């Protein structure tokens, strides 16, 4: 009886041991496949790449596919609610001529509001992704590579995108300020096509300063857009 119990116990122990070893090996293969994907498809390539997983990749990555979903969900929200707000704001606030400043104040105010909404949506998106990232339990060899991919695709992308917010907000604020100034000085300022005719020297000095400030803000927006392009396509893009 004792020998039988001992034999069954030994058999069960071996079976459990073999089963655990098999699971361990399988998970090791999944982890290696996921690490290779992160390294070759994201980290080693210049620019911003967020490849969608194929059915075969999901299978080969096993539970690690859910970890990658933290990154893809971030970009899905960016695509659906954040980026469209920036496009809408820039479209609404596009200034084609000095005459626009006098006739499109409502559009400029709307653009400024949209930028604020975009900043809030982006902040929520980043916070959700960061929270999920912090909760991950990863072995060191995976964590090192995943953190690099996360830093580029989420952290750096968010910081670069967020850098557009204050400069875009400033350009709309400067445009609204200039529009208000022109409205208050209709008696001394006349808009003639692309130029301004000013009959008062003091007004001319103040107006030139405001125009220079608006141009500086526009250049800051262009610089932020250049940084975004560099992130998207790499330094040589």
C-alpha atoms as a PDB file:
ATOM      1  CA  UNK A   1       0.000   0.000   0.000  1.00  0.00           C
ATOM      2  CA  UNK A   2       2.740   2.362   0.949  1.00  0.00           C
ATOM      3  CA  UNK A   3       4.621   1.537  -2.236  1.00  0.00           C
ATOM      4  CA  UNK A   4       1.500   2.225  -4.301  1.00  0.00           C
ATOM      5  CA  UNK A   5       0.926   5.572  -2.618  1.00  0.00           C
ATOM      6  CA  UNK A   6       4.574   6.412  -3.065  1.00  0.00           C
ATOM      7  CA  UNK A   7       4.406   5.412  -6.710  1.00  0.00           C
ATOM      8  CA  UNK A   8       1.283   7.485  -7.386  1.00  0.00           C
ATOM      9  CA  UNK A   9       2.796  10.444  -5.559  1.00  0.00           C
ATOM     10  CA  UNK A  10       5.974  10.145  -7.598  1.00  0.00           C
ATOM     11  CA  UNK A  11       3.995   9.883 -10.839  1.00  0.00           C
ATOM     12  CA  UNK A  12       1.907  12.935  -9.948  1.00  0.00           C
ATOM     13  CA  UNK A  13       5.011  14.844  -8.983  1.00  0.00           C
ATOM     14  CA  UNK A  14       6.632  14.012 -12.299  1.00  0.00           C
ATOM     15  CA  UNK A  15       3.448  14.861 -14.190  1.00  0.00           C
ATOM     16  CA  UNK A  16       3.123  18.189 -12.418  1.00  0.00           C
ATOM     17  CA  UNK A  17       6.791  18.904 -12.894  1.00  0.00           C
ATOM     18  CA  UNK A  18       6.629  18.102 -16.600  1.00  0.00           C
ATOM     19  CA  UNK A  19       3.456  20.146 -16.986  1.00  0.00           C
ATOM     20  CA  UNK A  20       4.943  23.189 -15.299  1.00  0.00           C
ATOM     21  CA  UNK A  21       8.139  22.873 -17.280  1.00  0.00           C
ATOM     22  CA  UNK A  22       6.116  22.754 -20.467  1.00  0.00           C
ATOM     23  CA  UNK A  23       4.182  25.880 -19.524  1.00  0.00           C
ATOM     24  CA  UNK A  24       7.382  27.618 -18.508  1.00  0.00           C
ATOM     25  CA  UNK A  25       9.074  26.846 -21.809  1.00  0.00           C
ATOM     26  CA  UNK A  26       6.026  27.972 -23.755  1.00  0.00           C
ATOM     27  CA  UNK A  27       5.875  31.252 -21.882  1.00  0.00           C
ATOM     28  CA  UNK A  28       9.596  31.761 -22.436  1.00  0.00           C
ATOM     29  CA  UNK A  29       9.064  31.361 -26.170  1.00  0.00           C
ATOM     30  CA  UNK A  30       6.169  33.816 -26.079  1.00  0.00           C
ATOM     31  CA  UNK A  31       8.269  36.327 -24.160  1.00  0.00           C
ATOM     32  CA  UNK A  32      11.194  35.986 -26.568  1.00  0.00           C
ATOM     33  CA  UNK A  33       8.884  36.471 -29.547  1.00  0.00           C
ATOM     34  CA  UNK A  34       7.372  39.580 -27.943  1.00  0.00           C
ATOM     35  CA  UNK A  35      10.782  41.044 -27.079  1.00  0.00           C
ATOM     36  CA  UNK A  36      11.980  40.465 -30.646  1.00  0.00           C
ATOM     37  CA  UNK A  37       8.852  42.197 -31.974  1.00  0.00           C
ATOM     38  CA  UNK A  38       9.351  45.243 -29.750  1.00  0.00           C
ATOM     39  CA  UNK A  39      13.032  45.462 -30.620  1.00  0.00           C
ATOM     40  CA  UNK A  40      12.862  45.000 -34.389  1.00  0.00           C
ATOM     41  CA  UNK A  41       9.486  46.513 -35.227  1.00  0.00           C
ATOM     42  CA  UNK A  42       9.558  49.538 -32.915  1.00  0.00           C
ATOM     43  CA  UNK A  43      12.867  50.332 -31.216  1.00  0.00           C
ATOM     44  CA  UNK A  44      15.261  49.629 -34.089  1.00  0.00           C
ATOM     45  CA  UNK A  45      13.225  51.630 -36.618  1.00  0.00           C
ATOM     46  CA  UNK A  46      13.448  55.409 -36.840  1.00  0.00           C
ATOM     47  CA  UNK A  47      10.249  57.322 -36.323  1.00  0.00           C
ATOM     48  CA  UNK A  48       7.000  56.345 -34.692  1.00  0.00           C
ATOM     49  CA  UNK A  49       5.688  52.878 -35.592  1.00  0.00           C
ATOM     50  CA  UNK A  50       2.668  51.273 -33.930  1.00  0.00           C
ATOM     51  CA  UNK A  51       2.189  48.009 -35.845  1.00  0.00           C
ATOM     52  CA  UNK A  52      -1.101  46.192 -35.376  1.00  0.00           C
ATOM     53  CA  UNK A  53      -0.727  42.583 -34.334  1.00  0.00           C
ATOM     54  CA  UNK A  54      -1.684  39.848 -36.752  1.00  0.00           C
ATOM     55  CA  UNK A  55      -3.603  36.807 -35.579  1.00  0.00           C
ATOM     56  CA  UNK A  56      -0.394  34.758 -35.707  1.00  0.00           C
ATOM     57  CA  UNK A  57       1.463  37.348 -33.620  1.00  0.00           C
ATOM     58  CA  UNK A  58      -1.284  37.385 -31.011  1.00  0.00           C
ATOM     59  CA  UNK A  59      -0.987  33.633 -30.742  1.00  0.00           C
ATOM     60  CA  UNK A  60       2.809  33.653 -30.562  1.00  0.00           C
ATOM     61  CA  UNK A  61       2.851  36.408 -27.902  1.00  0.00           C
ATOM     62  CA  UNK A  62       0.196  34.786 -25.722  1.00  0.00           C
ATOM     63  CA  UNK A  63      -0.623  36.969 -22.687  1.00  0.00           C
ATOM     64  CA  UNK A  64       1.978  39.531 -23.741  1.00  0.00           C
ATOM     65  CA  UNK A  65      -0.354  40.666 -26.520  1.00  0.00           C
ATOM     66  CA  UNK A  66      -2.502  42.220 -23.780  1.00  0.00           C
ATOM     67  CA  UNK A  67       0.505  44.198 -22.551  1.00  0.00           C
ATOM     68  CA  UNK A  68       1.069  45.611 -26.028  1.00  0.00           C
ATOM     69  CA  UNK A  69      -2.614  46.602 -26.084  1.00  0.00           C
ATOM     70  CA  UNK A  70      -1.768  49.317 -23.529  1.00  0.00           C
ATOM     71  CA  UNK A  71       0.191  51.073 -26.272  1.00  0.00           C
ATOM     72  CA  UNK A  72      -2.299  50.462 -29.082  1.00  0.00           C
ATOM     73  CA  UNK A  73      -5.223  51.693 -26.945  1.00  0.00           C
ATOM     74  CA  UNK A  74      -3.323  54.914 -26.268  1.00  0.00           C
ATOM     75  CA  UNK A  75      -2.893  55.519 -29.988  1.00  0.00           C
ATOM     76  CA  UNK A  76      -6.470  54.561 -30.742  1.00  0.00           C
ATOM     77  CA  UNK A  77      -7.699  57.300 -28.408  1.00  0.00           C
ATOM     78  CA  UNK A  78      -5.168  59.692 -29.927  1.00  0.00           C
ATOM     79  CA  UNK A  79      -6.485  58.894 -33.403  1.00  0.00           C
ATOM     80  CA  UNK A  80     -10.142  59.121 -32.435  1.00  0.00           C
ATOM     81  CA  UNK A  81     -10.350  62.048 -30.012  1.00  0.00           C
ATOM     82  CA  UNK A  82      -7.085  63.942 -29.644  1.00  0.00           C
ATOM     83  CA  UNK A  83      -5.629  64.411 -33.135  1.00  0.00           C
ATOM     84  CA  UNK A  84      -9.007  65.351 -34.686  1.00  0.00           C
ATOM     85  CA  UNK A  85      -9.336  68.162 -32.143  1.00  0.00           C
ATOM     86  CA  UNK A  86      -5.952  69.576 -33.158  1.00  0.00           C
ATOM     87  CA  UNK A  87      -6.894  69.409 -36.836  1.00  0.00           C
ATOM     88  CA  UNK A  88     -10.250  71.082 -36.122  1.00  0.00           C
ATOM     89  CA  UNK A  89      -8.603  73.826 -34.081  1.00  0.00           C
ATOM     90  CA  UNK A  90      -5.980  74.585 -36.696  1.00  0.00           C
ATOM     91  CA  UNK A  91      -8.630  74.623 -39.416  1.00  0.00           C
ATOM     92  CA  UNK A  92     -10.957  76.908 -37.456  1.00  0.00           C
ATOM     93  CA  UNK A  93      -8.136  79.235 -36.461  1.00  0.00           C
ATOM     94  CA  UNK A  94      -6.369  79.442 -39.827  1.00  0.00           C
ATOM     95  CA  UNK A  95      -5.595  83.085 -40.622  1.00  0.00           C
ATOM     96  CA  UNK A  96      -5.318  83.747 -44.350  1.00  0.00           C
ATOM     97  CA  UNK A  97      -5.271  87.517 -44.244  1.00  0.00           C
ATOM     98  CA  UNK A  98      -5.385  90.482 -41.899  1.00  0.00           C
ATOM     99  CA  UNK A  99      -9.027  90.831 -42.816  1.00  0.00           C
ATOM    100  CA  UNK A 100      -9.673  87.464 -41.170  1.00  0.00           C
ATOM    101  CA  UNK A 101      -8.753  88.968 -37.823  1.00  0.00           C
ATOM    102  CA  UNK A 102     -11.611  91.411 -38.040  1.00  0.00           C
ATOM    103  CA  UNK A 103     -14.250  88.972 -39.295  1.00  0.00           C
ATOM    104  CA  UNK A 104     -13.400  85.609 -37.728  1.00  0.00           C
ATOM    105  CA  UNK A 105     -13.042  86.279 -34.025  1.00  0.00           C
ATOM    106  CA  UNK A 106     -15.662  83.633 -33.292  1.00  0.00           C
ATOM    107  CA  UNK A 107     -13.624  81.017 -35.153  1.00  0.00           C
ATOM    108  CA  UNK A 108     -10.481  81.993 -33.245  1.00  0.00           C
ATOM    109  CA  UNK A 109     -12.278  81.722 -29.913  1.00  0.00           C
ATOM    110  CA  UNK A 110     -13.629  78.307 -30.956  1.00  0.00           C
ATOM    111  CA  UNK A 111     -10.137  77.151 -31.956  1.00  0.00           C
ATOM    112  CA  UNK A 112      -8.744  78.204 -28.575  1.00  0.00           C
ATOM    113  CA  UNK A 113     -11.501  76.252 -26.786  1.00  0.00           C
ATOM    114  CA  UNK A 114     -10.842  73.148 -28.886  1.00  0.00           C
ATOM    115  CA  UNK A 115      -7.135  73.279 -28.022  1.00  0.00           C
ATOM    116  CA  UNK A 116      -8.013  73.290 -24.311  1.00  0.00           C
ATOM    117  CA  UNK A 117     -10.329  70.303 -24.850  1.00  0.00           C
ATOM    118  CA  UNK A 118      -7.575  68.488 -26.724  1.00  0.00           C
ATOM    119  CA  UNK A 119      -5.129  69.057 -23.875  1.00  0.00           C
ATOM    120  CA  UNK A 120      -7.611  67.590 -21.379  1.00  0.00           C
ATOM    121  CA  UNK A 121      -8.303  64.550 -23.576  1.00  0.00           C
ATOM    122  CA  UNK A 122      -4.590  63.940 -24.049  1.00  0.00           C
ATOM    123  CA  UNK A 123      -3.936  64.208 -20.323  1.00  0.00           C
ATOM    124  CA  UNK A 124      -6.618  61.606 -19.587  1.00  0.00           C
ATOM    125  CA  UNK A 125      -5.247  59.282 -22.274  1.00  0.00           C
ATOM    126  CA  UNK A 126      -1.687  59.486 -20.925  1.00  0.00           C
ATOM    127  CA  UNK A 127      -2.810  58.975 -17.319  1.00  0.00           C
ATOM    128  CA  UNK A 128      -4.752  55.833 -18.244  1.00  0.00           C
ATOM    129  CA  UNK A 129      -1.818  54.376 -20.190  1.00  0.00           C
ATOM    130  CA  UNK A 130       0.701  55.227 -17.464  1.00  0.00           C
ATOM    131  CA  UNK A 131      -1.467  53.612 -14.808  1.00  0.00           C
ATOM    132  CA  UNK A 132      -1.739  50.373 -16.814  1.00  0.00           C
ATOM    133  CA  UNK A 133       2.016  50.463 -17.501  1.00  0.00           C
ATOM    134  CA  UNK A 134       2.876  50.796 -13.820  1.00  0.00           C
ATOM    135  CA  UNK A 135       0.722  47.798 -12.943  1.00  0.00           C
ATOM    136  CA  UNK A 136       2.514  45.435 -15.329  1.00  0.00           C
ATOM    137  CA  UNK A 137       4.469  42.558 -13.832  1.00  0.00           C
ATOM    138  CA  UNK A 138       7.342  41.824 -16.193  1.00  0.00           C
ATOM    139  CA  UNK A 139      10.637  39.957 -15.933  1.00  0.00           C
ATOM    140  CA  UNK A 140      13.667  42.292 -16.187  1.00  0.00           C
ATOM    141  CA  UNK A 141      14.658  41.304 -19.726  1.00  0.00           C
ATOM    142  CA  UNK A 142      11.167  42.126 -21.016  1.00  0.00           C
ATOM    143  CA  UNK A 143      10.670  45.235 -18.898  1.00  0.00           C
ATOM    144  CA  UNK A 144      13.839  46.868 -20.261  1.00  0.00           C
ATOM    145  CA  UNK A 145      12.696  46.493 -23.869  1.00  0.00           C
ATOM    146  CA  UNK A 146       9.018  47.224 -23.229  1.00  0.00           C
ATOM    147  CA  UNK A 147       9.918  50.404 -21.345  1.00  0.00           C
ATOM    148  CA  UNK A 148      11.941  51.620 -24.341  1.00  0.00           C
ATOM    149  CA  UNK A 149       9.039  50.987 -26.682  1.00  0.00           C
ATOM    150  CA  UNK A 150       6.578  52.589 -24.264  1.00  0.00           C
ATOM    151  CA  UNK A 151       8.799  55.632 -23.826  1.00  0.00           C
ATOM    152  CA  UNK A 152       8.889  56.288 -27.556  1.00  0.00           C
ATOM    153  CA  UNK A 153       5.314  55.390 -28.468  1.00  0.00           C
ATOM    154  CA  UNK A 154       3.548  56.860 -25.444  1.00  0.00           C
ATOM    155  CA  UNK A 155       5.691  59.107 -23.232  1.00  0.00           C
ATOM    156  CA  UNK A 156       7.713  60.908 -25.914  1.00  0.00           C
ATOM    157  CA  UNK A 157       4.767  61.024 -28.292  1.00  0.00           C
ATOM    158  CA  UNK A 158       2.596  62.604 -25.592  1.00  0.00           C
ATOM    159  CA  UNK A 159       5.239  65.132 -24.524  1.00  0.00           C
ATOM    160  CA  UNK A 160       5.853  66.156 -28.140  1.00  0.00           C
ATOM    161  CA  UNK A 161       2.143  66.467 -28.807  1.00  0.00           C
ATOM    162  CA  UNK A 162       1.617  68.392 -25.568  1.00  0.00           C
ATOM    163  CA  UNK A 163       4.306  70.865 -26.600  1.00  0.00           C
ATOM    164  CA  UNK A 164       1.968  72.047 -29.355  1.00  0.00           C
ATOM    165  CA  UNK A 165      -0.744  73.012 -26.870  1.00  0.00           C
ATOM    166  CA  UNK A 166       0.766  76.147 -25.259  1.00  0.00           C
ATOM    167  CA  UNK A 167       2.145  77.553 -28.523  1.00  0.00           C
ATOM    168  CA  UNK A 168      -1.126  76.944 -30.388  1.00  0.00           C
ATOM    169  CA  UNK A 169      -3.023  78.493 -27.499  1.00  0.00           C
ATOM    170  CA  UNK A 170      -0.651  81.475 -27.596  1.00  0.00           C
ATOM    171  CA  UNK A 171      -1.049  82.059 -31.327  1.00  0.00           C
ATOM    172  CA  UNK A 172      -4.845  82.110 -31.009  1.00  0.00           C
ATOM    173  CA  UNK A 173      -4.630  84.390 -27.971  1.00  0.00           C
ATOM    174  CA  UNK A 174      -2.318  86.782 -29.843  1.00  0.00           C
ATOM    175  CA  UNK A 175      -4.615  86.734 -32.875  1.00  0.00           C
ATOM    176  CA  UNK A 176      -7.641  87.527 -30.705  1.00  0.00           C
ATOM    177  CA  UNK A 177      -5.744  90.311 -28.970  1.00  0.00           C
ATOM    178  CA  UNK A 178      -4.766  91.801 -32.330  1.00  0.00           C
ATOM    179  CA  UNK A 179      -8.349  91.474 -33.579  1.00  0.00           C
ATOM    180  CA  UNK A 180      -9.619  93.353 -30.532  1.00  0.00           C
ATOM    181  CA  UNK A 181      -6.995  96.041 -31.006  1.00  0.00           C
ATOM    182  CA  UNK A 182      -7.970  96.540 -34.642  1.00  0.00           C
ATOM    183  CA  UNK A 183     -11.617  96.767 -33.653  1.00  0.00           C
ATOM    184  CA  UNK A 184     -10.844  99.454 -31.060  1.00  0.00           C
ATOM    185  CA  UNK A 185      -8.776 101.504 -33.518  1.00  0.00           C
ATOM    186  CA  UNK A 186     -11.000 101.528 -36.585  1.00  0.00           C
ATOM    187  CA  UNK A 187     -10.636 105.273 -36.829  1.00  0.00           C
ATOM    188  CA  UNK A 188      -6.868 105.139 -37.304  1.00  0.00           C
ATOM    189  CA  UNK A 189      -6.362 101.727 -38.922  1.00  0.00           C
ATOM    190  CA  UNK A 190      -7.580 100.638 -42.340  1.00  0.00           C
ATOM    191  CA  UNK A 191      -7.108  97.129 -43.718  1.00  0.00           C
ATOM    192  CA  UNK A 192      -6.330  97.205 -47.419  1.00  0.00           C
ATOM    193  CA  UNK A 193      -5.793  93.670 -48.689  1.00  0.00           C
ATOM    194  CA  UNK A 194      -2.642  92.242 -47.115  1.00  0.00           C
ATOM    195  CA  UNK A 195      -1.515  95.576 -45.657  1.00  0.00           C
ATOM    196  CA  UNK A 196      -2.514  97.952 -42.900  1.00  0.00           C
ATOM    197  CA  UNK A 197      -2.759 101.687 -43.326  1.00  0.00           C
ATOM    198  CA  UNK A 198      -2.218 103.504 -40.031  1.00  0.00           C
ATOM    199  CA  UNK A 199      -2.709 107.227 -39.634  1.00  0.00           C
ATOM    200  CA  UNK A 200      -1.408 107.538 -36.070  1.00  0.00           C
ATOM    201  CA  UNK A 201       2.259 107.044 -35.116  1.00  0.00           C
ATOM    202  CA  UNK A 202       1.556 105.687 -31.628  1.00  0.00           C
ATOM    203  CA  UNK A 203      -0.945 103.210 -33.008  1.00  0.00           C
ATOM    204  CA  UNK A 204       1.543 102.152 -35.683  1.00  0.00           C
ATOM    205  CA  UNK A 205       4.164 101.371 -33.011  1.00  0.00           C
ATOM    206  CA  UNK A 206       1.739  99.358 -30.886  1.00  0.00           C
ATOM    207  CA  UNK A 207       0.357  97.543 -33.927  1.00  0.00           C
ATOM    208  CA  UNK A 208       3.805  96.576 -35.184  1.00  0.00           C
ATOM    209  CA  UNK A 209       4.654  95.115 -31.780  1.00  0.00           C
ATOM    210  CA  UNK A 210       1.472  93.023 -31.788  1.00  0.00           C
ATOM    211  CA  UNK A 211       2.114  91.825 -35.345  1.00  0.00           C
ATOM    212  CA  UNK A 212       5.658  90.806 -34.426  1.00  0.00           C
ATOM    213  CA  UNK A 213       4.335  88.935 -31.391  1.00  0.00           C
ATOM    214  CA  UNK A 214       1.818  87.058 -33.540  1.00  0.00           C
ATOM    215  CA  UNK A 215       4.505  86.165 -36.062  1.00  0.00           C
ATOM    216  CA  UNK A 216       6.748  84.843 -33.268  1.00  0.00           C
ATOM    217  CA  UNK A 217       3.876  82.710 -31.987  1.00  0.00           C
ATOM    218  CA  UNK A 218       3.238  81.349 -35.482  1.00  0.00           C
ATOM    219  CA  UNK A 219       6.920  80.433 -35.784  1.00  0.00           C
ATOM    220  CA  UNK A 220       6.707  78.607 -32.441  1.00  0.00           C
ATOM    221  CA  UNK A 221       3.790  76.571 -33.791  1.00  0.00           C
ATOM    222  CA  UNK A 222       5.808  75.692 -36.888  1.00  0.00           C
ATOM    223  CA  UNK A 223       8.737  74.617 -34.716  1.00  0.00           C
ATOM    224  CA  UNK A 224       6.428  72.380 -32.660  1.00  0.00           C
ATOM    225  CA  UNK A 225       5.047  70.863 -35.849  1.00  0.00           C
ATOM    226  CA  UNK A 226       8.607  70.186 -37.008  1.00  0.00           C
ATOM    227  CA  UNK A 227       9.328  68.340 -33.758  1.00  0.00           C
ATOM    228  CA  UNK A 228       6.228  66.251 -34.316  1.00  0.00           C
ATOM    229  CA  UNK A 229       7.312  65.430 -37.859  1.00  0.00           C
ATOM    230  CA  UNK A 230      10.741  64.389 -36.571  1.00  0.00           C
ATOM    231  CA  UNK A 231       9.103  62.092 -34.041  1.00  0.00           C
ATOM    232  CA  UNK A 232       6.827  60.567 -36.647  1.00  0.00           C
ATOM    233  CA  UNK A 233       9.400  59.976 -39.359  1.00  0.00           C
ATOM    234  CA  UNK A 234      12.792  60.116 -37.625  1.00  0.00           C
ATOM    235  CA  UNK A 235      15.549  62.706 -37.832  1.00  0.00           C
ATOM    236  CA  UNK A 236      16.031  62.132 -41.541  1.00  0.00           C
ATOM    237  CA  UNK A 237      12.295  62.152 -42.373  1.00  0.00           C
END
